[in-house]
Amino acid sequence: MREHLTTNILNTIINKIVTKYKIYRCFDNMVIKIEVFKTDSCPHCPAAVSAAESAKAKFGDQIDVEIVNANDPANIDRAREYQIMAVPTVVIDGNVEFIGAPSDSDLIDKLESLL
Protein backbone atom coordinates (compact mmCIF):
# COMPACT_ATOMS: atom_id res chain seq x y z
CA MET A 1 0.00 0.00 0.00
CA ARG A 2 2.72 2.44 0.98
CA GLU A 3 4.76 1.65 -2.16
CA HIS A 4 1.68 2.22 -4.34
CA LEU A 5 1.07 5.60 -2.68
CA THR A 6 4.71 6.62 -3.21
CA THR A 7 4.51 5.65 -6.90
CA ASN A 8 1.34 7.70 -7.36
CA ILE A 9 2.91 10.73 -5.69
CA LEU A 10 6.02 10.46 -7.87
CA ASN A 11 3.93 10.12 -11.04
CA THR A 12 1.92 13.20 -10.08
CA ILE A 13 5.08 15.22 -9.46
CA ILE A 14 6.64 14.08 -12.75
CA ASN A 15 3.47 14.97 -14.69
CA LYS A 16 3.41 18.45 -13.17
CA ILE A 17 7.06 19.05 -14.02
CA VAL A 18 6.60 17.76 -17.57
CA THR A 19 3.59 20.01 -18.11
CA LYS A 20 5.08 23.12 -16.52
CA TYR A 21 8.48 22.96 -18.19
CA LYS A 22 7.42 21.28 -21.44
CA ILE A 23 9.75 18.38 -20.86
CA TYR A 24 8.16 15.76 -23.05
CA ARG A 25 10.92 13.18 -22.99
CA CYS A 26 12.78 12.74 -19.75
CA PHE A 27 12.75 8.95 -20.00
CA ASP A 28 13.64 6.74 -22.97
CA ASN A 29 10.14 5.33 -23.24
CA MET A 30 8.44 8.71 -23.59
CA VAL A 31 7.34 9.99 -26.99
CA ILE A 32 8.53 13.00 -28.95
CA LYS A 33 5.83 15.68 -29.07
CA ILE A 34 5.39 17.44 -32.42
CA GLU A 35 3.11 20.45 -32.75
CA VAL A 36 2.42 21.83 -36.22
CA PHE A 37 0.99 25.35 -36.06
CA LYS A 38 -1.04 26.20 -39.13
CA THR A 39 -3.93 28.31 -40.38
CA ASP A 40 -6.62 27.39 -42.86
CA SER A 41 -5.60 30.10 -45.32
CA CYS A 42 -1.88 29.26 -45.32
CA PRO A 43 -0.73 27.86 -48.69
CA HIS A 44 2.36 26.15 -47.21
CA CYS A 45 0.71 24.62 -44.17
CA PRO A 46 -0.58 21.46 -45.90
CA ALA A 47 3.03 20.54 -46.73
CA ALA A 48 4.03 20.85 -43.05
CA VAL A 49 1.04 18.75 -41.99
CA SER A 50 1.94 16.17 -44.64
CA ALA A 51 5.55 16.01 -43.39
CA ALA A 52 4.29 15.43 -39.84
CA GLU A 53 1.95 12.70 -41.07
CA SER A 54 4.82 11.03 -42.94
CA ALA A 55 6.92 11.14 -39.78
CA LYS A 56 4.05 9.61 -37.80
CA ALA A 57 3.77 6.83 -40.38
CA LYS A 58 7.50 6.12 -40.03
CA PHE A 59 7.88 6.41 -36.26
CA GLY A 60 4.43 5.33 -35.08
CA ASP A 61 4.03 5.45 -31.31
CA GLN A 62 7.47 7.00 -30.81
CA ILE A 63 6.02 10.38 -31.72
CA ASP A 64 2.83 12.27 -30.94
CA VAL A 65 1.65 14.71 -33.61
CA GLU A 66 -0.76 17.53 -32.92
CA ILE A 67 -2.00 19.89 -35.61
CA VAL A 68 -2.74 23.27 -34.02
CA ASN A 69 -4.86 25.91 -35.74
CA ALA A 70 -3.11 29.14 -34.76
CA ASN A 71 -6.23 31.19 -35.55
CA ASP A 72 -8.38 29.30 -33.08
CA PRO A 73 -8.88 31.52 -30.02
CA ALA A 74 -8.19 28.50 -27.81
CA ASN A 75 -4.66 28.26 -29.28
CA ILE A 76 -3.63 31.92 -29.43
CA ASP A 77 -1.93 31.89 -26.02
CA ARG A 78 -0.05 28.75 -26.97
CA ALA A 79 1.19 30.34 -30.19
CA ARG A 80 2.28 33.43 -28.25
CA GLU A 81 4.10 31.26 -25.73
CA TYR A 82 6.28 29.91 -28.54
CA GLN A 83 6.52 33.43 -30.07
CA ILE A 84 5.12 32.15 -33.35
CA MET A 85 4.93 34.93 -35.92
CA ALA A 86 4.52 32.86 -39.08
CA VAL A 87 2.93 29.60 -40.14
CA PRO A 88 3.63 26.84 -40.62
CA THR A 89 5.80 26.46 -37.56
CA VAL A 90 6.85 23.05 -36.25
CA VAL A 91 7.58 22.71 -32.55
CA ILE A 92 9.36 19.57 -31.31
CA ASP A 93 9.39 18.84 -27.60
CA GLY A 94 8.66 22.47 -26.78
CA ASN A 95 11.30 23.97 -29.10
CA VAL A 96 10.58 25.78 -32.36
CA GLU A 97 12.53 23.69 -34.89
CA PHE A 98 11.11 24.73 -38.27
CA ILE A 99 9.61 28.01 -39.45
CA GLY A 100 8.09 27.17 -42.80
CA ALA A 101 7.23 23.73 -44.09
CA PRO A 102 10.03 21.21 -43.63
CA SER A 103 10.47 18.51 -46.23
CA ASP A 104 9.54 15.02 -45.13
CA SER A 105 13.22 14.06 -45.06
CA ASP A 106 14.28 17.13 -43.04
CA LEU A 107 11.67 16.44 -40.37
CA ILE A 108 12.47 12.72 -40.28
CA ASP A 109 16.21 13.45 -40.03
CA LYS A 110 15.58 15.82 -37.13
CA LEU A 111 13.45 13.25 -35.32
CA GLU A 112 16.02 10.49 -35.89
CA SER A 113 18.64 12.70 -34.26
CA LEU A 114 16.42 12.91 -31.16
CA LEU A 115 15.64 9.22 -30.84
C-alpha atoms as a PDB file:
ATOM      1  CA  MET A   1       0.000   0.000   0.000  1.00  0.00           C
ATOM      2  CA  ARG A   2       2.720   2.437   0.977  1.00  0.00           C
ATOM      3  CA  GLU A   3       4.758   1.648  -2.158  1.00  0.00           C
ATOM      4  CA  HIS A   4       1.678   2.220  -4.342  1.00  0.00           C
ATOM      5  CA  LEU A   5       1.070   5.597  -2.683  1.00  0.00           C
ATOM      6  CA  THR A   6       4.709   6.615  -3.209  1.00  0.00           C
ATOM      7  CA  THR A   7       4.510   5.645  -6.903  1.00  0.00           C
ATOM      8  CA  ASN A   8       1.340   7.700  -7.362  1.00  0.00           C
ATOM      9  CA  ILE A   9       2.915  10.726  -5.694  1.00  0.00           C
ATOM     10  CA  LEU A  10       6.021  10.461  -7.875  1.00  0.00           C
ATOM     11  CA  ASN A  11       3.932  10.116 -11.039  1.00  0.00           C
ATOM     12  CA  THR A  12       1.920  13.196 -10.078  1.00  0.00           C
ATOM     13  CA  ILE A  13       5.083  15.220  -9.464  1.00  0.00           C
ATOM     14  CA  ILE A  14       6.640  14.080 -12.753  1.00  0.00           C
ATOM     15  CA  ASN A  15       3.471  14.966 -14.689  1.00  0.00           C
ATOM     16  CA  LYS A  16       3.408  18.454 -13.165  1.00  0.00           C
ATOM     17  CA  ILE A  17       7.064  19.051 -14.022  1.00  0.00           C
ATOM     18  CA  VAL A  18       6.605  17.757 -17.570  1.00  0.00           C
ATOM     19  CA  THR A  19       3.589  20.012 -18.107  1.00  0.00           C
ATOM     20  CA  LYS A  20       5.082  23.124 -16.522  1.00  0.00           C
ATOM     21  CA  TYR A  21       8.480  22.956 -18.193  1.00  0.00           C
ATOM     22  CA  LYS A  22       7.421  21.281 -21.440  1.00  0.00           C
ATOM     23  CA  ILE A  23       9.751  18.377 -20.862  1.00  0.00           C
ATOM     24  CA  TYR A  24       8.165  15.763 -23.053  1.00  0.00           C
ATOM     25  CA  ARG A  25      10.925  13.176 -22.987  1.00  0.00           C
ATOM     26  CA  CYS A  26      12.785  12.739 -19.754  1.00  0.00           C
ATOM     27  CA  PHE A  27      12.748   8.945 -20.003  1.00  0.00           C
ATOM     28  CA  ASP A  28      13.637   6.736 -22.973  1.00  0.00           C
ATOM     29  CA  ASN A  29      10.138   5.329 -23.245  1.00  0.00           C
ATOM     30  CA  MET A  30       8.438   8.713 -23.594  1.00  0.00           C
ATOM     31  CA  VAL A  31       7.344   9.986 -26.988  1.00  0.00           C
ATOM     32  CA  ILE A  32       8.532  12.999 -28.948  1.00  0.00           C
ATOM     33  CA  LYS A  33       5.828  15.677 -29.069  1.00  0.00           C
ATOM     34  CA  ILE A  34       5.386  17.444 -32.416  1.00  0.00           C
ATOM     35  CA  GLU A  35       3.108  20.453 -32.746  1.00  0.00           C
ATOM     36  CA  VAL A  36       2.418  21.828 -36.222  1.00  0.00           C
ATOM     37  CA  PHE A  37       0.994  25.352 -36.059  1.00  0.00           C
ATOM     38  CA  LYS A  38      -1.045  26.200 -39.133  1.00  0.00           C
ATOM     39  CA  THR A  39      -3.926  28.308 -40.384  1.00  0.00           C
ATOM     40  CA  ASP A  40      -6.625  27.386 -42.863  1.00  0.00           C
ATOM     41  CA  SER A  41      -5.601  30.104 -45.322  1.00  0.00           C
ATOM     42  CA  CYS A  42      -1.883  29.260 -45.319  1.00  0.00           C
ATOM     43  CA  PRO A  43      -0.735  27.861 -48.693  1.00  0.00           C
ATOM     44  CA  HIS A  44       2.360  26.150 -47.214  1.00  0.00           C
ATOM     45  CA  CYS A  45       0.715  24.618 -44.171  1.00  0.00           C
ATOM     46  CA  PRO A  46      -0.577  21.462 -45.904  1.00  0.00           C
ATOM     47  CA  ALA A  47       3.034  20.541 -46.730  1.00  0.00           C
ATOM     48  CA  ALA A  48       4.029  20.848 -43.055  1.00  0.00           C
ATOM     49  CA  VAL A  49       1.038  18.752 -41.994  1.00  0.00           C
ATOM     50  CA  SER A  50       1.944  16.169 -44.638  1.00  0.00           C
ATOM     51  CA  ALA A  51       5.549  16.010 -43.387  1.00  0.00           C
ATOM     52  CA  ALA A  52       4.290  15.426 -39.840  1.00  0.00           C
ATOM     53  CA  GLU A  53       1.947  12.704 -41.065  1.00  0.00           C
ATOM     54  CA  SER A  54       4.816  11.035 -42.941  1.00  0.00           C
ATOM     55  CA  ALA A  55       6.920  11.138 -39.778  1.00  0.00           C
ATOM     56  CA  LYS A  56       4.049   9.612 -37.804  1.00  0.00           C
ATOM     57  CA  ALA A  57       3.767   6.835 -40.384  1.00  0.00           C
ATOM     58  CA  LYS A  58       7.495   6.118 -40.030  1.00  0.00           C
ATOM     59  CA  PHE A  59       7.880   6.407 -36.256  1.00  0.00           C
ATOM     60  CA  GLY A  60       4.433   5.332 -35.080  1.00  0.00           C
ATOM     61  CA  ASP A  61       4.033   5.445 -31.311  1.00  0.00           C
ATOM     62  CA  GLN A  62       7.473   6.997 -30.810  1.00  0.00           C
ATOM     63  CA  ILE A  63       6.015  10.383 -31.716  1.00  0.00           C
ATOM     64  CA  ASP A  64       2.832  12.275 -30.945  1.00  0.00           C
ATOM     65  CA  VAL A  65       1.655  14.710 -33.614  1.00  0.00           C
ATOM     66  CA  GLU A  66      -0.758  17.533 -32.919  1.00  0.00           C
ATOM     67  CA  ILE A  67      -2.004  19.888 -35.614  1.00  0.00           C
ATOM     68  CA  VAL A  68      -2.742  23.269 -34.018  1.00  0.00           C
ATOM     69  CA  ASN A  69      -4.855  25.906 -35.742  1.00  0.00           C
ATOM     70  CA  ALA A  70      -3.113  29.142 -34.763  1.00  0.00           C
ATOM     71  CA  ASN A  71      -6.233  31.192 -35.554  1.00  0.00           C
ATOM     72  CA  ASP A  72      -8.381  29.295 -33.085  1.00  0.00           C
ATOM     73  CA  PRO A  73      -8.884  31.522 -30.021  1.00  0.00           C
ATOM     74  CA  ALA A  74      -8.193  28.498 -27.813  1.00  0.00           C
ATOM     75  CA  ASN A  75      -4.664  28.259 -29.282  1.00  0.00           C
ATOM     76  CA  ILE A  76      -3.628  31.921 -29.426  1.00  0.00           C
ATOM     77  CA  ASP A  77      -1.929  31.889 -26.022  1.00  0.00           C
ATOM     78  CA  ARG A  78      -0.046  28.752 -26.965  1.00  0.00           C
ATOM     79  CA  ALA A  79       1.193  30.341 -30.189  1.00  0.00           C
ATOM     80  CA  ARG A  80       2.282  33.430 -28.247  1.00  0.00           C
ATOM     81  CA  GLU A  81       4.100  31.264 -25.728  1.00  0.00           C
ATOM     82  CA  TYR A  82       6.284  29.912 -28.538  1.00  0.00           C
ATOM     83  CA  GLN A  83       6.520  33.426 -30.068  1.00  0.00           C
ATOM     84  CA  ILE A  84       5.118  32.155 -33.354  1.00  0.00           C
ATOM     85  CA  MET A  85       4.933  34.930 -35.921  1.00  0.00           C
ATOM     86  CA  ALA A  86       4.517  32.858 -39.082  1.00  0.00           C
ATOM     87  CA  VAL A  87       2.928  29.597 -40.137  1.00  0.00           C
ATOM     88  CA  PRO A  88       3.628  26.843 -40.619  1.00  0.00           C
ATOM     89  CA  THR A  89       5.797  26.456 -37.560  1.00  0.00           C
ATOM     90  CA  VAL A  90       6.854  23.053 -36.255  1.00  0.00           C
ATOM     91  CA  VAL A  91       7.581  22.710 -32.549  1.00  0.00           C
ATOM     92  CA  ILE A  92       9.356  19.574 -31.309  1.00  0.00           C
ATOM     93  CA  ASP A  93       9.391  18.837 -27.597  1.00  0.00           C
ATOM     94  CA  GLY A  94       8.655  22.468 -26.779  1.00  0.00           C
ATOM     95  CA  ASN A  95      11.296  23.970 -29.099  1.00  0.00           C
ATOM     96  CA  VAL A  96      10.580  25.776 -32.363  1.00  0.00           C
ATOM     97  CA  GLU A  97      12.533  23.695 -34.885  1.00  0.00           C
ATOM     98  CA  PHE A  98      11.112  24.734 -38.269  1.00  0.00           C
ATOM     99  CA  ILE A  99       9.610  28.006 -39.452  1.00  0.00           C
ATOM    100  CA  GLY A 100       8.094  27.172 -42.800  1.00  0.00           C
ATOM    101  CA  ALA A 101       7.227  23.734 -44.087  1.00  0.00           C
ATOM    102  CA  PRO A 102      10.026  21.205 -43.634  1.00  0.00           C
ATOM    103  CA  SER A 103      10.468  18.513 -46.228  1.00  0.00           C
ATOM    104  CA  ASP A 104       9.539  15.017 -45.132  1.00  0.00           C
ATOM    105  CA  SER A 105      13.220  14.060 -45.063  1.00  0.00           C
ATOM    106  CA  ASP A 106      14.283  17.131 -43.038  1.00  0.00           C
ATOM    107  CA  LEU A 107      11.671  16.439 -40.372  1.00  0.00           C
ATOM    108  CA  ILE A 108      12.473  12.725 -40.278  1.00  0.00           C
ATOM    109  CA  ASP A 109      16.215  13.453 -40.032  1.00  0.00           C
ATOM    110  CA  LYS A 110      15.580  15.821 -37.127  1.00  0.00           C
ATOM    111  CA  LEU A 111      13.452  13.248 -35.323  1.00  0.00           C
ATOM    112  CA  GLU A 112      16.019  10.490 -35.889  1.00  0.00           C
ATOM    113  CA  SER A 113      18.638  12.700 -34.260  1.00  0.00           C
ATOM    114  CA  LEU A 114      16.418  12.911 -31.157  1.00  0.00           C
ATOM    115  CA  LEU A 115      15.642   9.215 -30.842  1.00  0.00           C
END
